[in-house]
Amino acid sequence: MTATADDTPRPFAEGLREVFQNTARLRVSAFLSSCEEAAFQAVQEKCGLSKSALSKQVSILEKQGCVDVRKGYVGKYPRTWLALTPEGREALAAHLAALQDIADTAAQHATDVDTAS
């Protein structure tokens, strides 16, 4: 158990979101959190995913309401842009906070064990 700001106990790792348990989706979401919108190709390159793998993960994120997909053209060439939704940003922040709670709790337990020895 960890504690909230008012010291009430809460379940360990509360806030983890299943959608971000997949590392590819976590990488994509983290990348998109740093910008307003990104071209599909840029996300693909920065996250190290194939087109098909990125497309699959984006579809899942889109169904969960975490990512918006916008299609259009640059000149005569089709392009796809991706953006994290406000709900996606909130869910990612909660997930990262839960991961930080896990790390903090583990570090505290390690410190407790070291001082008890």
C-alpha atoms as a PDB file:
ATOM      1  CA  MET A   1       0.000   0.000   0.000  1.00  0.00           C
ATOM      2  CA  THR A   2       1.064   3.562  -0.630  1.00  0.00           C
ATOM      3  CA  ALA A   3      -0.477   6.727   0.760  1.00  0.00           C
ATOM      4  CA  THR A   4      -2.198   9.632  -0.915  1.00  0.00           C
ATOM      5  CA  ALA A   5      -1.433  13.279  -0.157  1.00  0.00           C
ATOM      6  CA  ASP A   6      -3.814  13.135   2.823  1.00  0.00           C
ATOM      7  CA  ASP A   7      -2.109   9.919   4.070  1.00  0.00           C
ATOM      8  CA  THR A   8      -5.084   7.652   3.376  1.00  0.00           C
ATOM      9  CA  PRO A   9      -3.926   4.236   2.208  1.00  0.00           C
ATOM     10  CA  ARG A  10      -4.566   3.261  -1.388  1.00  0.00           C
ATOM     11  CA  PRO A  11      -3.916   0.032  -3.253  1.00  0.00           C
ATOM     12  CA  PHE A  12      -0.376  -0.510  -4.459  1.00  0.00           C
ATOM     13  CA  ALA A  13       0.047   0.680  -8.065  1.00  0.00           C
ATOM     14  CA  GLU A  14      -3.365   2.302  -8.293  1.00  0.00           C
ATOM     15  CA  GLY A  15      -3.558   4.182 -11.551  1.00  0.00           C
ATOM     16  CA  LEU A  16      -1.802   1.683 -13.795  1.00  0.00           C
ATOM     17  CA  ARG A  17      -3.587   1.568 -17.131  1.00  0.00           C
ATOM     18  CA  GLU A  18      -3.746  -1.699 -19.024  1.00  0.00           C
ATOM     19  CA  VAL A  19      -3.490   0.084 -22.376  1.00  0.00           C
ATOM     20  CA  PHE A  20       0.057   1.236 -21.483  1.00  0.00           C
ATOM     21  CA  GLN A  21       1.258  -2.185 -20.299  1.00  0.00           C
ATOM     22  CA  ASN A  22       2.476  -2.819 -23.850  1.00  0.00           C
ATOM     23  CA  THR A  23       5.868  -1.140 -24.250  1.00  0.00           C
ATOM     24  CA  ALA A  24       5.210  -0.061 -27.842  1.00  0.00           C
ATOM     25  CA  ARG A  25       2.007   1.752 -26.814  1.00  0.00           C
ATOM     26  CA  LEU A  26       3.823   3.321 -23.878  1.00  0.00           C
ATOM     27  CA  ARG A  27       6.636   4.547 -26.173  1.00  0.00           C
ATOM     28  CA  VAL A  28       4.169   5.957 -28.713  1.00  0.00           C
ATOM     29  CA  SER A  29       2.139   7.708 -26.026  1.00  0.00           C
ATOM     30  CA  ALA A  30       5.228   9.090 -24.304  1.00  0.00           C
ATOM     31  CA  PHE A  31       6.517  10.422 -27.612  1.00  0.00           C
ATOM     32  CA  LEU A  32       3.159  12.020 -28.452  1.00  0.00           C
ATOM     33  CA  SER A  33       2.973  13.588 -24.987  1.00  0.00           C
ATOM     34  CA  SER A  34       5.901  15.799 -25.940  1.00  0.00           C
ATOM     35  CA  CYS A  35       4.121  17.442 -28.849  1.00  0.00           C
ATOM     36  CA  GLU A  36       0.739  18.631 -30.014  1.00  0.00           C
ATOM     37  CA  GLU A  37       0.726  16.366 -33.067  1.00  0.00           C
ATOM     38  CA  ALA A  38       3.251  14.225 -34.940  1.00  0.00           C
ATOM     39  CA  ALA A  39       3.461  12.692 -38.381  1.00  0.00           C
ATOM     40  CA  PHE A  40       2.992   8.925 -38.451  1.00  0.00           C
ATOM     41  CA  GLN A  41       6.430   8.492 -40.051  1.00  0.00           C
ATOM     42  CA  ALA A  42       8.129  10.553 -37.328  1.00  0.00           C
ATOM     43  CA  VAL A  43       6.495   8.462 -34.601  1.00  0.00           C
ATOM     44  CA  GLN A  44       7.469   5.291 -36.447  1.00  0.00           C
ATOM     45  CA  GLU A  45      11.119   6.352 -36.700  1.00  0.00           C
ATOM     46  CA  LYS A  46      11.455   7.704 -33.148  1.00  0.00           C
ATOM     47  CA  CYS A  47       9.719   4.702 -31.569  1.00  0.00           C
ATOM     48  CA  GLY A  48      11.534   2.131 -33.705  1.00  0.00           C
ATOM     49  CA  LEU A  49       8.403   0.397 -34.962  1.00  0.00           C
ATOM     50  CA  SER A  50       7.440  -0.987 -38.345  1.00  0.00           C
ATOM     51  CA  LYS A  51       4.492   0.610 -40.131  1.00  0.00           C
ATOM     52  CA  SER A  52       2.268  -2.369 -39.413  1.00  0.00           C
ATOM     53  CA  ALA A  53       3.268  -2.563 -35.736  1.00  0.00           C
ATOM     54  CA  LEU A  54       2.665   1.162 -35.237  1.00  0.00           C
ATOM     55  CA  SER A  55      -0.642   0.990 -37.077  1.00  0.00           C
ATOM     56  CA  LYS A  56      -1.796  -1.865 -34.841  1.00  0.00           C
ATOM     57  CA  GLN A  57      -0.794  -0.069 -31.631  1.00  0.00           C
ATOM     58  CA  VAL A  58      -2.339   3.217 -32.770  1.00  0.00           C
ATOM     59  CA  SER A  59      -5.615   1.408 -33.512  1.00  0.00           C
ATOM     60  CA  ILE A  60      -5.693   0.090 -29.954  1.00  0.00           C
ATOM     61  CA  LEU A  61      -4.846   3.510 -28.495  1.00  0.00           C
ATOM     62  CA  GLU A  62      -7.506   5.117 -30.684  1.00  0.00           C
ATOM     63  CA  LYS A  63     -10.171   2.616 -29.570  1.00  0.00           C
ATOM     64  CA  GLN A  64      -9.278   3.388 -25.948  1.00  0.00           C
ATOM     65  CA  GLY A  65      -9.714   7.116 -26.607  1.00  0.00           C
ATOM     66  CA  CYS A  66      -6.045   7.901 -26.032  1.00  0.00           C
ATOM     67  CA  VAL A  67      -5.016   8.927 -29.560  1.00  0.00           C
ATOM     68  CA  ASP A  68      -6.619  10.913 -32.365  1.00  0.00           C
ATOM     69  CA  VAL A  69      -5.705  10.066 -35.952  1.00  0.00           C
ATOM     70  CA  ARG A  70      -5.933  12.742 -38.645  1.00  0.00           C
ATOM     71  CA  LYS A  71      -5.488  11.975 -42.321  1.00  0.00           C
ATOM     72  CA  GLY A  72      -4.809  14.496 -45.039  1.00  0.00           C
ATOM     73  CA  TYR A  73      -2.511  15.408 -47.870  1.00  0.00           C
ATOM     74  CA  VAL A  74       0.720  17.297 -48.247  1.00  0.00           C
ATOM     75  CA  GLY A  75       0.539  18.270 -51.874  1.00  0.00           C
ATOM     76  CA  LYS A  76      -0.670  15.126 -53.566  1.00  0.00           C
ATOM     77  CA  TYR A  77       0.859  12.759 -51.003  1.00  0.00           C
ATOM     78  CA  PRO A  78      -1.335  11.209 -48.305  1.00  0.00           C
ATOM     79  CA  ARG A  79      -0.181  11.754 -44.726  1.00  0.00           C
ATOM     80  CA  THR A  80      -1.333  10.623 -41.291  1.00  0.00           C
ATOM     81  CA  TRP A  81      -0.868  12.627 -38.099  1.00  0.00           C
ATOM     82  CA  LEU A  82      -1.227  11.348 -34.555  1.00  0.00           C
ATOM     83  CA  ALA A  83      -2.084  13.265 -31.396  1.00  0.00           C
ATOM     84  CA  LEU A  84      -2.573  12.256 -27.781  1.00  0.00           C
ATOM     85  CA  THR A  85      -6.079  13.185 -26.636  1.00  0.00           C
ATOM     86  CA  PRO A  86      -6.634  15.074 -23.372  1.00  0.00           C
ATOM     87  CA  GLU A  87      -7.953  11.798 -21.923  1.00  0.00           C
ATOM     88  CA  GLY A  88      -4.858  10.025 -23.204  1.00  0.00           C
ATOM     89  CA  ARG A  89      -2.615  12.605 -21.551  1.00  0.00           C
ATOM     90  CA  GLU A  90      -4.448  12.153 -18.237  1.00  0.00           C
ATOM     91  CA  ALA A  91      -4.293   8.360 -18.478  1.00  0.00           C
ATOM     92  CA  LEU A  92      -0.576   8.450 -19.335  1.00  0.00           C
ATOM     93  CA  ALA A  93       0.146  10.819 -16.446  1.00  0.00           C
ATOM     94  CA  ALA A  94      -1.738   8.518 -14.054  1.00  0.00           C
ATOM     95  CA  HIS A  95       0.116   5.482 -15.392  1.00  0.00           C
ATOM     96  CA  LEU A  96       3.512   7.173 -15.045  1.00  0.00           C
ATOM     97  CA  ALA A  97       2.629   8.344 -11.520  1.00  0.00           C
ATOM     98  CA  ALA A  98       1.700   4.760 -10.600  1.00  0.00           C
ATOM     99  CA  LEU A  99       5.008   3.512 -12.009  1.00  0.00           C
ATOM    100  CA  GLN A 100       6.803   6.179  -9.970  1.00  0.00           C
ATOM    101  CA  ASP A 101       4.909   5.009  -6.865  1.00  0.00           C
ATOM    102  CA  ILE A 102       6.124   1.474  -7.517  1.00  0.00           C
ATOM    103  CA  ALA A 103       9.721   2.661  -7.913  1.00  0.00           C
ATOM    104  CA  ASP A 104       9.511   4.861  -4.802  1.00  0.00           C
ATOM    105  CA  THR A 105       8.034   2.033  -2.730  1.00  0.00           C
ATOM    106  CA  ALA A 106      10.711  -0.387  -3.930  1.00  0.00           C
ATOM    107  CA  ALA A 107      13.445   2.129  -3.124  1.00  0.00           C
ATOM    108  CA  GLN A 108      11.987   2.708   0.335  1.00  0.00           C
ATOM    109  CA  HIS A 109      11.818  -1.035   0.998  1.00  0.00           C
ATOM    110  CA  ALA A 110      15.425  -1.420  -0.158  1.00  0.00           C
ATOM    111  CA  THR A 111      16.471   1.392   2.189  1.00  0.00           C
ATOM    112  CA  ASP A 112      14.513  -0.200   5.053  1.00  0.00           C
ATOM    113  CA  VAL A 113      16.222  -3.551   4.436  1.00  0.00           C
ATOM    114  CA  ASP A 114      19.676  -1.920   4.240  1.00  0.00           C
ATOM    115  CA  THR A 115      19.209  -0.026   7.527  1.00  0.00           C
ATOM    116  CA  ALA A 116      17.795  -3.115   9.271  1.00  0.00           C
ATOM    117  CA  SER A 117      20.887  -5.181   8.399  1.00  0.00           C
END
